[in-house]
Amino acid sequence: MQERAISRQRGGSNNGGLRRAIGYLGRSPKLAFATYSAVVIATLGQLAIPQLVQNILDSVVQNDRGAFTGAPIDESPIWWAMLAIVLFAAARGIFTFAQAYLAQRTSQDVAFDLRNEIFAKVQHLSFSYHDRNRTGQLMIRATDDVEKLRLFLAQGLVVVVQAVVLLTGILIILFNTNAALTWVVVPILPIAFFMFLGFGALTQPLFGAVQKRLSALNTVLQENLAGLKVIKAFVREPDESHKFNNATDDLLNQQLRVSRIFSFLFPLIFLIANLGQAAVLYFGGSQIINGTLTVGEWQKFSLYLVFAFLPIGQLGFVISLMAQANTSAGRIFEILDAKNDVVDKPNALELGEIQGRVEFQDVTFRYYNSGDPILSNVSFTAEPGQTVALLGATGSGKTTIINLIPRFYDASTGAVKIDGHDVRDVTIETLRRQIGIVLQETTLFTGTIRDNIAFGRPDATTEDIVAAAQAARAHDFIIEFPQGYDTPVGERGTTLSGGQRQRVAIARALLLDPHILILDDSTSAVDVTTEAMIQAALDRLMQGRTSFVIAQRISTVLNADQILVLDRGRVVARGTHEQLMEESEIYADIYQSQLLGTSDTQEEPVGELSIEY
C-alpha cells in the first residue's frame, strides 16, 4: 500500500528512470569523457593482442618450413611481436586502472548528487506526503537504491561500452580476416544477446519485488529501534523477532527466485559459446587442410571469438545490475518527481514583521481532500497578543488547527490569515520564521544542548541562548552537567529526562523571539512543580505574542483570552473561563472532572474530552 502511495504521488513515470540517471554523468562532462575514453582505449588495446599472436604463430610455422629446406631462421618477428604484446598489455593495464578509478569517481559523484536531491526533496515535501509513506521506505531509497544505481554506473555501464566497442571491432576484423568463417558464428551472437534481453525483462520485476521486501525489512528494523523501550516494556521481543524473521524470509525467498534464474542462464550461455567454438574448430580445420587458412589466422579467429563471447557472458552480470538499477532509478525518481501539496505560489509575497493577528475564516479541512472533514467551517479571530487555548477530545481537530497556521497543511476550503494575508499568498519560509512551535512530541537532534537550543538561530550568541534557557527554566539543570551547554544530548535526546527535553524545546522556540507561539501540550512531560515553573515563564513570555495553547490540564489555560472547545471538528463553545463556566455545559463538566473531582459528571463524552489536551 505504501509503495503504491508513493507511486501515485510521483510526477513522472518510472519509464526512462535509468536514462535520466545516466544523464547525471553529464554534470561532470570532462570526468565522464575521460572515463569512457579510457574504456575505449583499453578495449582497443585488447583487440591488438590476437593479431600479434597470429604474427608469432605464422612466423613459427614459416621458420619450421624453412628448417626443412635449410633456409635461415628469422626470429625477429617473434621477438617484435612479443615486445608489442608486453607493451600493449602494459598500456592496457594503465588505461584499465584509469577507467576503473574514473568510473568509480563519476558514479560516486552521481550518488552524491542523488542523495542530496532526495534529502532536499524529502525535507521540502509536505506533511501529507509523509503521512502516507513510511520512514523506512524513504530511507531505503536514499541508501540501497542509490547504491544499486551507482554500482551499475561504475561497473555495468562500463561493461556495456566495452561490449559495444569490442563486438564492433571484432566483427570488423573477423570479416576482413575470413568472411566465410565469420558467417558461421555470427548467427550465434544475436541468439545469446536476445536471450539476455529476455532474461532482463523477466528479472526486472523480480528485482523490484526484492527492493519492496528490503523496504519492508528496513521499516520493521527502523520501527523496532525507535520503539525499543516500548517493546521491552511490554515484553514483545519474541513477537517482534517473529515479525523481523518473516520479513527476512520474504526477502530471502525473493532473492533465491532471482538466483535460480541466473543459475540457469549462465550455463546456457556457456553452452552456446561452446557450440560456436565447435563450429569454428570444424569449419576452420577444413580451411586449414585446404590451405585457405593459416594456423595463425585460425588462432586469431578463435581468440577474437572468445573476446566476442566475453562481453556477451558479461551481459549476465550487466543485466542483473541493469535490472536492479532500473528498478532503483524508478523508485528514486518517484520521490524526486513527487508533487508537493504545500508550495509557494508564483510571485508569493515575503511576509515582513507581523503584529500577530490570526484569523480562521470558515475553514474546512480534509486529509488528502477526501473522506470526512477533520475541521468543519471553523471561524475565529486571535488578536495580537492574545492567548487562545484549544480543548477537545482526541480527534476533535485541535492539532489540525495549529498545523494550518504555519502551513504544514493547507485548508481544503476557507482561509487562514495572518495580519490580513492569506498564508497561501506568502512564502513558506518567511511565514514559518514568524512562528515558534513546541510540539507535543519533543524532538532533539544529535549534538549539544547549545546546538539544540540554537537550532532555529545557529548564529545566536551565548547570551541569547542562556537567556532563552533561563526563560524556559532550563538553565539551572543545564549548568549542573559537567559540560554545561556543551553536554551531548544523545540520539533523540536520550541522555535528558522528558521534562528536560521539553524545556530545551521551549527554549529553542523562544530563542526565535516569535510573534506567534504554538504550544502543543508543551508541559505534558513534566511534573506539577516543573509545570508550574514553566507555566510562570510562559505566562510572561506569551505577553505581546499571539499564542495558541493545547493543554492536557485545564488549569494551564484558565487565564487564556479565548478558550475554544472543539467537538468533531467544530467549535462548539468559545469564550473566557468565566464565560464558559456559565454558558458551556461541556466545559463546566471538564473543569469539574479535573479540578473538583466529581465523578458523577463523567459521562462518556465528557470523559473523552478530559483524557487528552
Foldseek 3Di string as FASTA:
>chain_A
DLLVLLLVQFQDFLPCLLVVLVCLLVVVVVLVVLLVVLLLLLLVLVLVLLVLLLQQQVLVVVQVVCVVVVHDRDCVSNVVSVVSNVVSVVSSVVSVVVNLVSQLVSLVVSLVVLLVLLVVLVVPFFVLSPVSHFPLLSVCLNPVLSVLLSVCSNPLVSLVSSLVSLQVVLLVVVCVLPVVLSVQQVVLLVVLVVVLVVLLVVCLVLLLQLSVLVSVLSRLVVVCVVCVVVCVVVVVVVVSVVVNVVSVVSNVVSVVVNVVSLVVSLVVLVVSLVVSVVSLCVVVVVCVVVVNAPPSSSSSNSVSSVSNSVSSSCSSVSSVSVSSNSSSSSSSSSSSRGDHQAAADVVFAQDDDAQAKKWWAQFWADSVLDDDTLAGGATDIFGQLFEEEEFEFVSLCQVVVVCCQLPSDDTPDTFMDGNRHGNNRHHSVNSCLQEFEQAPQQFAAWFFLQCRLCVVPVPDDPVLLLVLLVLLVQQVVQVVDPVRRRHTLPHRSVVDAQLNSLSSSSSSRCSSVHQEYEYHQSCVRDDPVSVVSRLVSVVVSSGRHYYYYYHLAPVSCQPGQKYFYGDSNYGPDMGHNVVCCVVPPLSVLLCCCRPVVDPVSPDPRSVSRNRGD
